[in-house]
Amino acid sequence: MDAIVVGIDVSKDRLDVHVRPAGTVLSHSRDAGGVEALIGVLGGLAPQLIAVEATGGFETVVVASLAAAGLPVVVVNPAQVRAFATALGRRAKTDPIDAQVIAHFAAATRPQVRPLPDAATQVLADLVARRRQIIQMIVAEGQREKRASPRARKSIMRLLKTLRSELSALDADIDESVRGSPVWREKEDLLASVPGVGPVTVRTMLAELPNSAASIGARSPRWRGLRHSPASLASGAARASSAAGAPACARSCSWAP
């Protein structure tokens, strides 16, 4: 029996989902209710792999929710997905098609799913649950504001300001937890896609250059420069991995554009 593989394309307001090999297409809103509904559907399907494309931050809460629910989720590199789509001749670009391509890419490449430790899963679950509670409070206070007197409205506005600030802090915590977790493969995959950079060098660079490699996203101008200059990165990486007894540094590895 073919393995069930799910591709999820995340946009600002919506989650487009494609399930292989059945070809099932789903769509959910990218809010707490939509994510919970999606988790319920995917839990019933028991997929072997769920791939979510990194989309500049919209995906982190979704990934955190899936991971906290114990589902086998992994974040995939958008550049690699686009290259895969080009190789397939898929030039049309809509959200449902993107979800289909992500699922096809995941089925073909089988990125390794590395489950989170129980403690990390619980931390994510707590953060996601708390985020849901804060959103519910914001919605409730917003409804009260519409019916409140001018004096009461001032109190509501102060509370809403505090709640929105707390929501932003929670989102930052979730983002940090997800990007530092084993489900986030983008940084390692991005380095490994450069010609001449092998897995040992990749891990050396990620370990010894945390401020340069591990904290730079795929859409950073620095990364774009590196992706267009693979020879420079490869030669710098070779120098970093072969330096005898000296830690690698950003200058010798040519991280700057």
C-alpha atoms as a PDB file:
ATOM      1  CA  MET A   1       0.000   0.000   0.000  1.00  0.00           C
ATOM      2  CA  ASP A   2       1.361   3.409  -0.959  1.00  0.00           C
ATOM      3  CA  ALA A   3       2.387   5.698   1.876  1.00  0.00           C
ATOM      4  CA  ILE A   4       0.098   8.636   2.559  1.00  0.00           C
ATOM      5  CA  VAL A   5       2.005  11.872   1.999  1.00  0.00           C
ATOM      6  CA  VAL A   6       0.505  15.324   2.554  1.00  0.00           C
ATOM      7  CA  GLY A   7       1.633  18.637   1.077  1.00  0.00           C
ATOM      8  CA  ILE A   8       0.474  21.897   2.661  1.00  0.00           C
ATOM      9  CA  ASP A   9       0.772  25.295   1.013  1.00  0.00           C
ATOM     10  CA  VAL A  10       0.435  28.048   3.610  1.00  0.00           C
ATOM     11  CA  SER A  11      -0.704  31.545   2.686  1.00  0.00           C
ATOM     12  CA  LYS A  12      -1.705  34.465   4.855  1.00  0.00           C
ATOM     13  CA  ASP A  13      -5.322  33.409   5.267  1.00  0.00           C
ATOM     14  CA  ARG A  14      -5.564  29.834   3.989  1.00  0.00           C
ATOM     15  CA  LEU A  15      -4.134  26.338   4.102  1.00  0.00           C
ATOM     16  CA  ASP A  16      -4.300  24.402   0.837  1.00  0.00           C
ATOM     17  CA  VAL A  17      -3.743  20.679   1.293  1.00  0.00           C
ATOM     18  CA  HIS A  18      -3.050  17.850  -1.149  1.00  0.00           C
ATOM     19  CA  VAL A  19      -3.067  14.203  -0.054  1.00  0.00           C
ATOM     20  CA  ARG A  20      -1.209  11.552  -2.029  1.00  0.00           C
ATOM     21  CA  PRO A  21      -1.865   9.035  -3.486  1.00  0.00           C
ATOM     22  CA  ALA A  22      -5.635   9.600  -3.233  1.00  0.00           C
ATOM     23  CA  GLY A  23      -5.357  13.092  -4.733  1.00  0.00           C
ATOM     24  CA  THR A  24      -7.657  14.529  -2.081  1.00  0.00           C
ATOM     25  CA  VAL A  25      -7.726  18.340  -2.031  1.00  0.00           C
ATOM     26  CA  LEU A  26      -8.600  20.226   1.149  1.00  0.00           C
ATOM     27  CA  SER A  27      -8.734  23.875   2.152  1.00  0.00           C
ATOM     28  CA  HIS A  28      -8.876  25.370   5.634  1.00  0.00           C
ATOM     29  CA  SER A  29      -8.581  28.859   7.058  1.00  0.00           C
ATOM     30  CA  ARG A  30      -5.238  29.709   8.655  1.00  0.00           C
ATOM     31  CA  ASP A  31      -6.670  30.420  12.071  1.00  0.00           C
ATOM     32  CA  ALA A  32      -7.054  28.405  15.246  1.00  0.00           C
ATOM     33  CA  GLY A  33     -10.310  26.803  14.089  1.00  0.00           C
ATOM     34  CA  GLY A  34      -8.978  25.934  10.653  1.00  0.00           C
ATOM     35  CA  VAL A  35      -5.782  24.411  12.003  1.00  0.00           C
ATOM     36  CA  GLU A  36      -7.710  22.357  14.561  1.00  0.00           C
ATOM     37  CA  ALA A  37     -10.040  21.091  11.834  1.00  0.00           C
ATOM     38  CA  LEU A  38      -7.059  20.151   9.665  1.00  0.00           C
ATOM     39  CA  ILE A  39      -5.415  18.282  12.549  1.00  0.00           C
ATOM     40  CA  GLY A  40      -8.617  16.298  13.008  1.00  0.00           C
ATOM     41  CA  VAL A  41      -8.722  15.325   9.329  1.00  0.00           C
ATOM     42  CA  LEU A  42      -5.031  14.421   9.125  1.00  0.00           C
ATOM     43  CA  GLY A  43      -5.199  12.461  12.356  1.00  0.00           C
ATOM     44  CA  GLY A  44      -7.854  10.264  10.771  1.00  0.00           C
ATOM     45  CA  LEU A  45      -5.739   9.715   7.647  1.00  0.00           C
ATOM     46  CA  ALA A  46      -2.625   8.676   9.616  1.00  0.00           C
ATOM     47  CA  PRO A  47      -0.130  10.063   7.054  1.00  0.00           C
ATOM     48  CA  GLN A  48       3.484   8.910   7.041  1.00  0.00           C
ATOM     49  CA  LEU A  49       4.750  12.377   6.073  1.00  0.00           C
ATOM     50  CA  ILE A  50       3.394  15.923   6.097  1.00  0.00           C
ATOM     51  CA  ALA A  51       5.471  18.505   4.235  1.00  0.00           C
ATOM     52  CA  VAL A  52       4.986  22.228   4.771  1.00  0.00           C
ATOM     53  CA  GLU A  53       6.831  24.731   2.607  1.00  0.00           C
ATOM     54  CA  ALA A  54       8.622  27.554   4.426  1.00  0.00           C
ATOM     55  CA  THR A  55       6.724  30.722   3.519  1.00  0.00           C
ATOM     56  CA  GLY A  56       8.285  33.567   5.439  1.00  0.00           C
ATOM     57  CA  GLY A  57       6.707  32.947   8.831  1.00  0.00           C
ATOM     58  CA  PHE A  58       3.071  32.084   8.038  1.00  0.00           C
ATOM     59  CA  GLU A  59       3.883  28.405   8.465  1.00  0.00           C
ATOM     60  CA  THR A  60       5.361  28.403  11.975  1.00  0.00           C
ATOM     61  CA  VAL A  61       2.137  28.260  14.003  1.00  0.00           C
ATOM     62  CA  VAL A  62       0.771  25.613  11.618  1.00  0.00           C
ATOM     63  CA  VAL A  63       3.907  23.493  11.964  1.00  0.00           C
ATOM     64  CA  ALA A  64       3.933  23.960  15.732  1.00  0.00           C
ATOM     65  CA  SER A  65       0.308  22.826  15.957  1.00  0.00           C
ATOM     66  CA  LEU A  66       0.915  19.751  13.798  1.00  0.00           C
ATOM     67  CA  ALA A  67       4.060  18.813  15.738  1.00  0.00           C
ATOM     68  CA  ALA A  68       2.322  19.326  19.063  1.00  0.00           C
ATOM     69  CA  ALA A  69      -0.441  16.972  17.866  1.00  0.00           C
ATOM     70  CA  GLY A  70       2.179  14.281  17.238  1.00  0.00           C
ATOM     71  CA  LEU A  71       1.840  14.347  13.447  1.00  0.00           C
ATOM     72  CA  PRO A  72       4.914  13.595  11.263  1.00  0.00           C
ATOM     73  CA  VAL A  73       5.585  17.084   9.929  1.00  0.00           C
ATOM     74  CA  VAL A  74       8.707  18.503   8.295  1.00  0.00           C
ATOM     75  CA  VAL A  75       9.426  21.926   6.800  1.00  0.00           C
ATOM     76  CA  VAL A  76      10.840  21.821   3.270  1.00  0.00           C
ATOM     77  CA  ASN A  77      12.968  24.286   1.361  1.00  0.00           C
ATOM     78  CA  PRO A  78      10.903  26.429  -1.061  1.00  0.00           C
ATOM     79  CA  ALA A  79      13.818  26.781  -3.489  1.00  0.00           C
ATOM     80  CA  GLN A  80      14.057  23.022  -3.825  1.00  0.00           C
ATOM     81  CA  VAL A  81      10.305  22.696  -4.277  1.00  0.00           C
ATOM     82  CA  ARG A  82      10.352  25.320  -7.043  1.00  0.00           C
ATOM     83  CA  ALA A  83      13.256  23.580  -8.772  1.00  0.00           C
ATOM     84  CA  PHE A  84      11.334  20.296  -8.546  1.00  0.00           C
ATOM     85  CA  ALA A  85       8.246  21.943 -10.050  1.00  0.00           C
ATOM     86  CA  THR A  86      10.343  23.342 -12.909  1.00  0.00           C
ATOM     87  CA  ALA A  87      11.798  19.907 -13.584  1.00  0.00           C
ATOM     88  CA  LEU A  88       8.243  18.562 -13.808  1.00  0.00           C
ATOM     89  CA  GLY A  89       7.271  21.347 -16.181  1.00  0.00           C
ATOM     90  CA  ARG A  90       4.721  22.759 -13.721  1.00  0.00           C
ATOM     91  CA  ARG A  91       4.830  26.452 -14.522  1.00  0.00           C
ATOM     92  CA  ALA A  92       1.283  27.226 -13.473  1.00  0.00           C
ATOM     93  CA  LYS A  93       1.160  28.574  -9.938  1.00  0.00           C
ATOM     94  CA  THR A  94      -1.936  28.488  -7.768  1.00  0.00           C
ATOM     95  CA  ASP A  95      -2.215  27.485  -4.133  1.00  0.00           C
ATOM     96  CA  PRO A  96      -3.856  24.077  -4.825  1.00  0.00           C
ATOM     97  CA  ILE A  97      -1.212  23.306  -7.464  1.00  0.00           C
ATOM     98  CA  ASP A  98       1.534  24.368  -5.054  1.00  0.00           C
ATOM     99  CA  ALA A  99       0.161  21.975  -2.432  1.00  0.00           C
ATOM    100  CA  GLN A 100       0.158  19.186  -5.018  1.00  0.00           C
ATOM    101  CA  VAL A 101       3.763  19.921  -5.981  1.00  0.00           C
ATOM    102  CA  ILE A 102       4.839  20.000  -2.322  1.00  0.00           C
ATOM    103  CA  ALA A 103       3.219  16.602  -1.757  1.00  0.00           C
ATOM    104  CA  HIS A 104       4.855  15.213  -4.920  1.00  0.00           C
ATOM    105  CA  PHE A 105       8.237  16.621  -3.861  1.00  0.00           C
ATOM    106  CA  ALA A 106       7.911  15.065  -0.398  1.00  0.00           C
ATOM    107  CA  ALA A 107       6.878  11.693  -1.836  1.00  0.00           C
ATOM    108  CA  ALA A 108       9.824  11.726  -4.256  1.00  0.00           C
ATOM    109  CA  THR A 109      12.550  12.956  -1.878  1.00  0.00           C
ATOM    110  CA  ARG A 110      11.231  11.567   1.423  1.00  0.00           C
ATOM    111  CA  PRO A 111      12.775  14.142   3.781  1.00  0.00           C
ATOM    112  CA  GLN A 112      13.533  12.511   7.095  1.00  0.00           C
ATOM    113  CA  VAL A 113      10.904  13.031   9.757  1.00  0.00           C
ATOM    114  CA  ARG A 114      12.587  13.582  13.098  1.00  0.00           C
ATOM    115  CA  PRO A 115       9.984  13.492  15.872  1.00  0.00           C
ATOM    116  CA  LEU A 116      10.337  16.061  18.624  1.00  0.00           C
ATOM    117  CA  PRO A 117      11.319  14.894  22.099  1.00  0.00           C
ATOM    118  CA  ASP A 118       8.364  14.649  24.464  1.00  0.00           C
ATOM    119  CA  ALA A 119       9.479  17.732  26.393  1.00  0.00           C
ATOM    120  CA  ALA A 120       9.716  19.839  23.224  1.00  0.00           C
ATOM    121  CA  THR A 121       6.331  18.578  22.047  1.00  0.00           C
ATOM    122  CA  GLN A 122       4.771  19.577  25.360  1.00  0.00           C
ATOM    123  CA  VAL A 123       6.348  23.040  25.193  1.00  0.00           C
ATOM    124  CA  LEU A 124       4.909  23.561  21.703  1.00  0.00           C
ATOM    125  CA  ALA A 125       1.514  22.248  22.785  1.00  0.00           C
ATOM    126  CA  ASP A 126       1.458  24.673  25.734  1.00  0.00           C
ATOM    127  CA  LEU A 127       2.467  27.630  23.571  1.00  0.00           C
ATOM    128  CA  VAL A 128      -0.119  26.831  20.902  1.00  0.00           C
ATOM    129  CA  ALA A 129      -2.842  26.361  23.521  1.00  0.00           C
ATOM    130  CA  ARG A 130      -1.951  29.641  25.207  1.00  0.00           C
ATOM    131  CA  ARG A 131      -1.977  31.415  21.851  1.00  0.00           C
ATOM    132  CA  ARG A 132      -5.480  30.094  21.202  1.00  0.00           C
ATOM    133  CA  GLN A 133      -6.616  31.399  24.597  1.00  0.00           C
ATOM    134  CA  ILE A 134      -5.168  34.864  23.937  1.00  0.00           C
ATOM    135  CA  ILE A 135      -6.923  35.035  20.560  1.00  0.00           C
ATOM    136  CA  GLN A 136     -10.218  34.076  22.196  1.00  0.00           C
ATOM    137  CA  MET A 137      -9.752  36.862  24.750  1.00  0.00           C
ATOM    138  CA  ILE A 138      -8.975  39.380  21.997  1.00  0.00           C
ATOM    139  CA  VAL A 139     -12.123  38.389  20.096  1.00  0.00           C
ATOM    140  CA  ALA A 140     -14.250  38.604  23.259  1.00  0.00           C
ATOM    141  CA  GLU A 141     -12.910  42.037  24.203  1.00  0.00           C
ATOM    142  CA  GLY A 142     -13.440  43.224  20.636  1.00  0.00           C
ATOM    143  CA  GLN A 143     -17.094  42.265  20.897  1.00  0.00           C
ATOM    144  CA  ARG A 144     -17.420  44.066  24.243  1.00  0.00           C
ATOM    145  CA  GLU A 145     -15.872  47.197  22.788  1.00  0.00           C
ATOM    146  CA  LYS A 146     -18.732  47.519  20.305  1.00  0.00           C
ATOM    147  CA  ARG A 147     -21.300  47.710  23.127  1.00  0.00           C
ATOM    148  CA  ALA A 148     -19.269  49.557  25.764  1.00  0.00           C
ATOM    149  CA  SER A 149     -19.675  53.099  27.013  1.00  0.00           C
ATOM    150  CA  PRO A 150     -16.840  55.571  26.269  1.00  0.00           C
ATOM    151  CA  ARG A 151     -15.257  55.107  29.709  1.00  0.00           C
ATOM    152  CA  ALA A 152     -15.456  51.322  29.575  1.00  0.00           C
ATOM    153  CA  ARG A 153     -14.080  51.404  26.039  1.00  0.00           C
ATOM    154  CA  LYS A 154     -10.855  52.991  27.308  1.00  0.00           C
ATOM    155  CA  SER A 155     -10.347  50.071  29.673  1.00  0.00           C
ATOM    156  CA  ILE A 156     -11.039  47.595  26.897  1.00  0.00           C
ATOM    157  CA  MET A 157      -8.567  49.326  24.582  1.00  0.00           C
ATOM    158  CA  ARG A 158      -5.846  49.144  27.236  1.00  0.00           C
ATOM    159  CA  LEU A 159      -6.486  45.455  27.738  1.00  0.00           C
ATOM    160  CA  LEU A 160      -6.558  44.792  23.979  1.00  0.00           C
ATOM    161  CA  LYS A 161      -3.192  46.507  23.638  1.00  0.00           C
ATOM    162  CA  THR A 162      -1.744  44.227  26.324  1.00  0.00           C
ATOM    163  CA  LEU A 163      -3.285  41.102  24.787  1.00  0.00           C
ATOM    164  CA  ARG A 164      -1.963  41.912  21.316  1.00  0.00           C
ATOM    165  CA  SER A 165       1.486  42.499  22.746  1.00  0.00           C
ATOM    166  CA  GLU A 166       1.303  39.122  24.486  1.00  0.00           C
ATOM    167  CA  LEU A 167       0.168  37.491  21.248  1.00  0.00           C
ATOM    168  CA  SER A 168       3.198  38.900  19.440  1.00  0.00           C
ATOM    169  CA  ALA A 169       5.483  37.574  22.178  1.00  0.00           C
ATOM    170  CA  LEU A 170       3.873  34.127  21.953  1.00  0.00           C
ATOM    171  CA  ASP A 171       4.265  34.096  18.178  1.00  0.00           C
ATOM    172  CA  ALA A 172       7.958  34.895  18.612  1.00  0.00           C
ATOM    173  CA  ASP A 173       8.327  32.054  21.128  1.00  0.00           C
ATOM    174  CA  ILE A 174       6.574  29.612  18.790  1.00  0.00           C
ATOM    175  CA  ASP A 175       8.690  30.735  15.854  1.00  0.00           C
ATOM    176  CA  GLU A 176      11.889  30.266  17.852  1.00  0.00           C
ATOM    177  CA  SER A 177      10.811  26.832  19.070  1.00  0.00           C
ATOM    178  CA  VAL A 178       9.854  25.591  15.607  1.00  0.00           C
ATOM    179  CA  ARG A 179      12.904  26.939  13.801  1.00  0.00           C
ATOM    180  CA  GLY A 180      15.168  25.421  16.416  1.00  0.00           C
ATOM    181  CA  SER A 181      13.470  22.024  16.267  1.00  0.00           C
ATOM    182  CA  PRO A 182      14.320  18.912  14.216  1.00  0.00           C
ATOM    183  CA  VAL A 183      11.318  19.474  11.922  1.00  0.00           C
ATOM    184  CA  TRP A 184      12.997  22.537  10.435  1.00  0.00           C
ATOM    185  CA  ARG A 185      15.219  21.263   7.607  1.00  0.00           C
ATOM    186  CA  GLU A 186      15.520  24.411   5.508  1.00  0.00           C
ATOM    187  CA  LYS A 187      18.899  25.719   6.706  1.00  0.00           C
ATOM    188  CA  GLU A 188      20.726  22.416   6.396  1.00  0.00           C
ATOM    189  CA  ASP A 189      19.066  21.576   3.065  1.00  0.00           C
ATOM    190  CA  LEU A 190      19.877  25.029   1.690  1.00  0.00           C
ATOM    191  CA  LEU A 191      23.565  24.638   2.454  1.00  0.00           C
ATOM    192  CA  ALA A 192      23.649  21.062   1.189  1.00  0.00           C
ATOM    193  CA  SER A 193      22.142  22.146  -2.136  1.00  0.00           C
ATOM    194  CA  VAL A 194      25.272  24.168  -2.959  1.00  0.00           C
ATOM    195  CA  PRO A 195      27.704  22.243  -5.224  1.00  0.00           C
ATOM    196  CA  GLY A 196      30.847  21.199  -3.385  1.00  0.00           C
ATOM    197  CA  VAL A 197      29.346  21.415   0.095  1.00  0.00           C
ATOM    198  CA  GLY A 198      28.975  17.960   1.651  1.00  0.00           C
ATOM    199  CA  PRO A 199      27.011  16.912   4.747  1.00  0.00           C
ATOM    200  CA  VAL A 200      30.038  17.012   7.052  1.00  0.00           C
ATOM    201  CA  THR A 201      30.880  20.542   5.958  1.00  0.00           C
ATOM    202  CA  VAL A 202      27.245  21.573   6.327  1.00  0.00           C
ATOM    203  CA  ARG A 203      27.110  20.389   9.911  1.00  0.00           C
ATOM    204  CA  THR A 204      30.472  21.990  10.683  1.00  0.00           C
ATOM    205  CA  MET A 205      29.258  25.323   9.350  1.00  0.00           C
ATOM    206  CA  LEU A 206      25.946  25.142  11.193  1.00  0.00           C
ATOM    207  CA  ALA A 207      27.731  24.267  14.441  1.00  0.00           C
ATOM    208  CA  GLU A 208      30.600  26.741  14.200  1.00  0.00           C
ATOM    209  CA  LEU A 209      28.787  29.632  12.559  1.00  0.00           C
ATOM    210  CA  PRO A 210      25.497  29.854  14.452  1.00  0.00           C
ATOM    211  CA  ASN A 211      25.118  33.589  13.954  1.00  0.00           C
ATOM    212  CA  SER A 212      25.835  33.393  10.255  1.00  0.00           C
ATOM    213  CA  ALA A 213      24.353  30.102   9.091  1.00  0.00           C
ATOM    214  CA  ALA A 214      21.774  28.984  11.607  1.00  0.00           C
ATOM    215  CA  SER A 215      20.065  32.345  12.004  1.00  0.00           C
ATOM    216  CA  ILE A 216      19.803  33.330   8.334  1.00  0.00           C
ATOM    217  CA  GLY A 217      16.611  32.352   6.508  1.00  0.00           C
ATOM    218  CA  ALA A 218      16.306  31.312   2.887  1.00  0.00           C
ATOM    219  CA  ARG A 219      14.828  34.659   1.911  1.00  0.00           C
ATOM    220  CA  SER A 220      17.575  36.744   3.473  1.00  0.00           C
ATOM    221  CA  PRO A 221      19.537  38.927   1.004  1.00  0.00           C
ATOM    222  CA  ARG A 222      22.692  37.209   2.281  1.00  0.00           C
ATOM    223  CA  TRP A 223      21.350  33.808   1.353  1.00  0.00           C
ATOM    224  CA  ARG A 224      20.259  35.006  -2.061  1.00  0.00           C
ATOM    225  CA  GLY A 225      23.787  36.215  -2.678  1.00  0.00           C
ATOM    226  CA  LEU A 226      25.206  32.888  -1.580  1.00  0.00           C
ATOM    227  CA  ARG A 227      22.829  30.896  -3.725  1.00  0.00           C
ATOM    228  CA  HIS A 228      23.969  32.852  -6.761  1.00  0.00           C
ATOM    229  CA  SER A 229      27.649  32.338  -5.836  1.00  0.00           C
ATOM    230  CA  PRO A 230      28.004  28.617  -5.017  1.00  0.00           C
ATOM    231  CA  ALA A 231      31.690  28.505  -5.906  1.00  0.00           C
ATOM    232  CA  SER A 232      32.459  31.206  -3.367  1.00  0.00           C
ATOM    233  CA  LEU A 233      30.511  29.406  -0.637  1.00  0.00           C
ATOM    234  CA  ALA A 234      31.999  26.013  -1.507  1.00  0.00           C
ATOM    235  CA  SER A 235      35.563  27.288  -1.391  1.00  0.00           C
ATOM    236  CA  GLY A 236      34.900  29.154   1.845  1.00  0.00           C
ATOM    237  CA  ALA A 237      33.263  26.069   3.349  1.00  0.00           C
ATOM    238  CA  ALA A 238      36.245  23.938   2.402  1.00  0.00           C
ATOM    239  CA  ARG A 239      38.568  26.374   4.134  1.00  0.00           C
ATOM    240  CA  ALA A 240      36.359  26.368   7.225  1.00  0.00           C
ATOM    241  CA  SER A 241      36.208  22.582   7.478  1.00  0.00           C
ATOM    242  CA  SER A 242      39.950  22.105   6.878  1.00  0.00           C
ATOM    243  CA  ALA A 243      41.294  24.774   9.211  1.00  0.00           C
ATOM    244  CA  ALA A 244      43.547  22.977  11.694  1.00  0.00           C
ATOM    245  CA  GLY A 245      42.527  23.738  15.245  1.00  0.00           C
ATOM    246  CA  ALA A 246      41.026  27.113  14.357  1.00  0.00           C
ATOM    247  CA  PRO A 247      37.250  27.774  14.576  1.00  0.00           C
ATOM    248  CA  ALA A 248      35.536  28.784  11.349  1.00  0.00           C
ATOM    249  CA  CYS A 249      34.666  32.442  11.017  1.00  0.00           C
ATOM    250  CA  ALA A 250      32.269  34.493   8.932  1.00  0.00           C
ATOM    251  CA  ARG A 251      35.103  36.347   7.202  1.00  0.00           C
ATOM    252  CA  SER A 252      36.967  33.238   5.986  1.00  0.00           C
ATOM    253  CA  CYS A 253      33.732  31.600   4.800  1.00  0.00           C
ATOM    254  CA  SER A 254      32.673  34.610   2.711  1.00  0.00           C
ATOM    255  CA  TRP A 255      29.208  34.915   4.238  1.00  0.00           C
ATOM    256  CA  ALA A 256      28.934  38.544   3.164  1.00  0.00           C
ATOM    257  CA  PRO A 257      27.498  39.182  -0.337  1.00  0.00           C
END
